[in-house]
Amino acid sequence: MLYNIFPEDRNTFIHLVGNNFEAINVISSRSKSEGWIVPFLPDAKKLTPLDVAVEKKDIKLANAFIKMLSKTPLDHHSRFISDDIPKLIEFNIPNLEKYFDSRIF
């Protein structure tokens, strides 16, 4: 289910459950324990789930996304979220430091 892109607005599963930070936390935990890599793709409007959370200024949800993304490979999503980094810093997202630490080689 995580790897499907649904026809309407090319939404991914993460877009569809993206308003629920608890669901994102569960997916994040399961993906880490099961070894999944959750796709993080833009929809038809070229917005990622993190873009939507940042636009809504939903800090709790953005924090959950950053936590999930910190467990993925570097090139998995970096091109899609680069525009959001200044706003995430401005929002003082708690998991952002861990995200950056996971990117240091």
C-alpha atoms as a PDB file:
ATOM      1  CA  MET A   1       0.000   0.000   0.000  1.00  0.00           C
ATOM      2  CA  LEU A   2       2.859   2.400   0.815  1.00  0.00           C
ATOM      3  CA  TYR A   3       4.295   2.039  -2.675  1.00  0.00           C
ATOM      4  CA  ASN A   4       1.090   2.863  -4.571  1.00  0.00           C
ATOM      5  CA  ILE A   5       0.386   6.149  -6.280  1.00  0.00           C
ATOM      6  CA  PHE A   6      -3.363   6.609  -6.373  1.00  0.00           C
ATOM      7  CA  PRO A   7      -4.948   7.979  -9.561  1.00  0.00           C
ATOM      8  CA  GLU A   8      -6.770  10.949  -8.067  1.00  0.00           C
ATOM      9  CA  ASP A   9      -4.247  13.815  -7.807  1.00  0.00           C
ATOM     10  CA  ARG A  10      -1.412  11.233  -7.913  1.00  0.00           C
ATOM     11  CA  ASN A  11      -1.555  11.024  -4.136  1.00  0.00           C
ATOM     12  CA  THR A  12       0.597   8.582  -2.230  1.00  0.00           C
ATOM     13  CA  PHE A  13      -0.515   6.763   0.886  1.00  0.00           C
ATOM     14  CA  ILE A  14       1.460   9.275   2.955  1.00  0.00           C
ATOM     15  CA  HIS A  15      -0.521  12.128   1.354  1.00  0.00           C
ATOM     16  CA  LEU A  16      -3.781  10.385   2.225  1.00  0.00           C
ATOM     17  CA  VAL A  17      -2.955   9.803   5.906  1.00  0.00           C
ATOM     18  CA  GLY A  18      -0.737  12.875   6.179  1.00  0.00           C
ATOM     19  CA  ASN A  19      -3.160  14.860   8.332  1.00  0.00           C
ATOM     20  CA  ASN A  20      -2.736  12.362  11.161  1.00  0.00           C
ATOM     21  CA  PHE A  21       0.664  12.647  12.837  1.00  0.00           C
ATOM     22  CA  GLU A  22      -0.041   9.519  14.922  1.00  0.00           C
ATOM     23  CA  ALA A  23      -0.428   7.476  11.728  1.00  0.00           C
ATOM     24  CA  ILE A  24       2.853   8.919  10.421  1.00  0.00           C
ATOM     25  CA  ASN A  25       4.576   7.937  13.682  1.00  0.00           C
ATOM     26  CA  VAL A  26       3.233   4.378  13.414  1.00  0.00           C
ATOM     27  CA  ILE A  27       4.358   4.111   9.781  1.00  0.00           C
ATOM     28  CA  SER A  28       7.759   5.517  10.745  1.00  0.00           C
ATOM     29  CA  SER A  29       8.206   3.020  13.584  1.00  0.00           C
ATOM     30  CA  ARG A  30       7.054   0.056  11.513  1.00  0.00           C
ATOM     31  CA  SER A  31       9.200   1.030   8.549  1.00  0.00           C
ATOM     32  CA  LYS A  32      12.280   1.165  10.762  1.00  0.00           C
ATOM     33  CA  SER A  33      11.594  -2.175  12.450  1.00  0.00           C
ATOM     34  CA  GLU A  34      10.586  -3.909   9.192  1.00  0.00           C
ATOM     35  CA  GLY A  35      13.288  -2.319   7.041  1.00  0.00           C
ATOM     36  CA  TRP A  36      10.887  -0.517   4.680  1.00  0.00           C
ATOM     37  CA  ILE A  37      11.739   2.687   2.924  1.00  0.00           C
ATOM     38  CA  VAL A  38       8.575   4.747   2.694  1.00  0.00           C
ATOM     39  CA  PRO A  39       8.344   6.630  -0.632  1.00  0.00           C
ATOM     40  CA  PHE A  40       8.206  10.397  -0.245  1.00  0.00           C
ATOM     41  CA  LEU A  41       7.000  11.754  -3.568  1.00  0.00           C
ATOM     42  CA  PRO A  42       5.190  14.905  -4.680  1.00  0.00           C
ATOM     43  CA  ASP A  43       1.561  14.762  -5.772  1.00  0.00           C
ATOM     44  CA  ALA A  44       0.104  16.153  -9.012  1.00  0.00           C
ATOM     45  CA  LYS A  45       0.442  19.683  -7.615  1.00  0.00           C
ATOM     46  CA  LYS A  46       4.149  18.969  -7.016  1.00  0.00           C
ATOM     47  CA  LEU A  47       3.674  19.122  -3.243  1.00  0.00           C
ATOM     48  CA  THR A  48       5.125  16.581  -0.858  1.00  0.00           C
ATOM     49  CA  PRO A  49       3.289  15.745   2.367  1.00  0.00           C
ATOM     50  CA  LEU A  50       5.882  17.898   4.179  1.00  0.00           C
ATOM     51  CA  ASP A  51       5.091  20.857   1.873  1.00  0.00           C
ATOM     52  CA  VAL A  52       1.442  20.556   2.888  1.00  0.00           C
ATOM     53  CA  ALA A  53       2.325  20.423   6.607  1.00  0.00           C
ATOM     54  CA  VAL A  54       4.605  23.460   6.280  1.00  0.00           C
ATOM     55  CA  GLU A  55       1.923  25.431   4.392  1.00  0.00           C
ATOM     56  CA  LYS A  56      -0.560  24.648   7.172  1.00  0.00           C
ATOM     57  CA  LYS A  57       2.106  25.499   9.792  1.00  0.00           C
ATOM     58  CA  ASP A  58       1.405  22.130  11.397  1.00  0.00           C
ATOM     59  CA  ILE A  59       4.587  21.804  13.460  1.00  0.00           C
ATOM     60  CA  LYS A  60       3.565  18.501  15.054  1.00  0.00           C
ATOM     61  CA  LEU A  61       2.997  16.861  11.666  1.00  0.00           C
ATOM     62  CA  ALA A  62       6.150  18.390  10.144  1.00  0.00           C
ATOM     63  CA  ASN A  63       8.111  17.035  13.108  1.00  0.00           C
ATOM     64  CA  ALA A  64       6.680  13.541  12.487  1.00  0.00           C
ATOM     65  CA  PHE A  65       7.676  13.726   8.810  1.00  0.00           C
ATOM     66  CA  ILE A  66      11.207  14.855   9.676  1.00  0.00           C
ATOM     67  CA  LYS A  67      11.512  11.994  12.160  1.00  0.00           C
ATOM     68  CA  MET A  68      10.430   9.541   9.454  1.00  0.00           C
ATOM     69  CA  LEU A  69      12.771  11.054   6.847  1.00  0.00           C
ATOM     70  CA  SER A  70      15.792  10.964   9.154  1.00  0.00           C
ATOM     71  CA  LYS A  71      15.697   7.166   8.877  1.00  0.00           C
ATOM     72  CA  THR A  72      15.907   7.131   5.070  1.00  0.00           C
ATOM     73  CA  PRO A  73      18.838   7.401   2.650  1.00  0.00           C
ATOM     74  CA  LEU A  74      20.084  10.887   1.792  1.00  0.00           C
ATOM     75  CA  ASP A  75      18.930  10.986  -1.829  1.00  0.00           C
ATOM     76  CA  HIS A  76      15.529   9.517  -0.991  1.00  0.00           C
ATOM     77  CA  HIS A  77      13.799  12.882  -0.581  1.00  0.00           C
ATOM     78  CA  SER A  78      16.371  15.688  -0.320  1.00  0.00           C
ATOM     79  CA  ARG A  79      15.474  17.337  -3.642  1.00  0.00           C
ATOM     80  CA  PHE A  80      11.824  17.457  -2.681  1.00  0.00           C
ATOM     81  CA  ILE A  81      12.242  19.134   0.720  1.00  0.00           C
ATOM     82  CA  SER A  82      15.136  21.545   0.152  1.00  0.00           C
ATOM     83  CA  ASP A  83      12.749  24.515  -0.151  1.00  0.00           C
ATOM     84  CA  ASP A  84      11.164  23.647   3.208  1.00  0.00           C
ATOM     85  CA  ILE A  85      14.388  23.609   5.259  1.00  0.00           C
ATOM     86  CA  PRO A  86      14.436  27.384   6.064  1.00  0.00           C
ATOM     87  CA  LYS A  87      10.827  27.265   7.270  1.00  0.00           C
ATOM     88  CA  LEU A  88      11.501  24.137   9.333  1.00  0.00           C
ATOM     89  CA  ILE A  89      14.410  25.942  11.006  1.00  0.00           C
ATOM     90  CA  GLU A  90      12.169  28.946  11.616  1.00  0.00           C
ATOM     91  CA  PHE A  91       9.498  26.667  13.159  1.00  0.00           C
ATOM     92  CA  ASN A  92      12.196  25.193  15.422  1.00  0.00           C
ATOM     93  CA  ILE A  93      11.173  21.617  14.623  1.00  0.00           C
ATOM     94  CA  PRO A  94      12.422  19.364  17.475  1.00  0.00           C
ATOM     95  CA  ASN A  95      13.557  16.448  15.271  1.00  0.00           C
ATOM     96  CA  LEU A  96      15.377  18.684  12.776  1.00  0.00           C
ATOM     97  CA  GLU A  97      18.679  18.432  14.648  1.00  0.00           C
ATOM     98  CA  LYS A  98      18.480  14.619  14.584  1.00  0.00           C
ATOM     99  CA  TYR A  99      17.649  14.826  10.883  1.00  0.00           C
ATOM    100  CA  PHE A 100      20.777  16.882  10.177  1.00  0.00           C
ATOM    101  CA  ASP A 101      22.891  14.611  12.401  1.00  0.00           C
ATOM    102  CA  SER A 102      21.739  11.610  10.367  1.00  0.00           C
ATOM    103  CA  ARG A 103      22.990  13.355   7.204  1.00  0.00           C
ATOM    104  CA  ILE A 104      26.547  13.867   8.485  1.00  0.00           C
ATOM    105  CA  PHE A 105      29.001  11.333   7.112  1.00  0.00           C
END
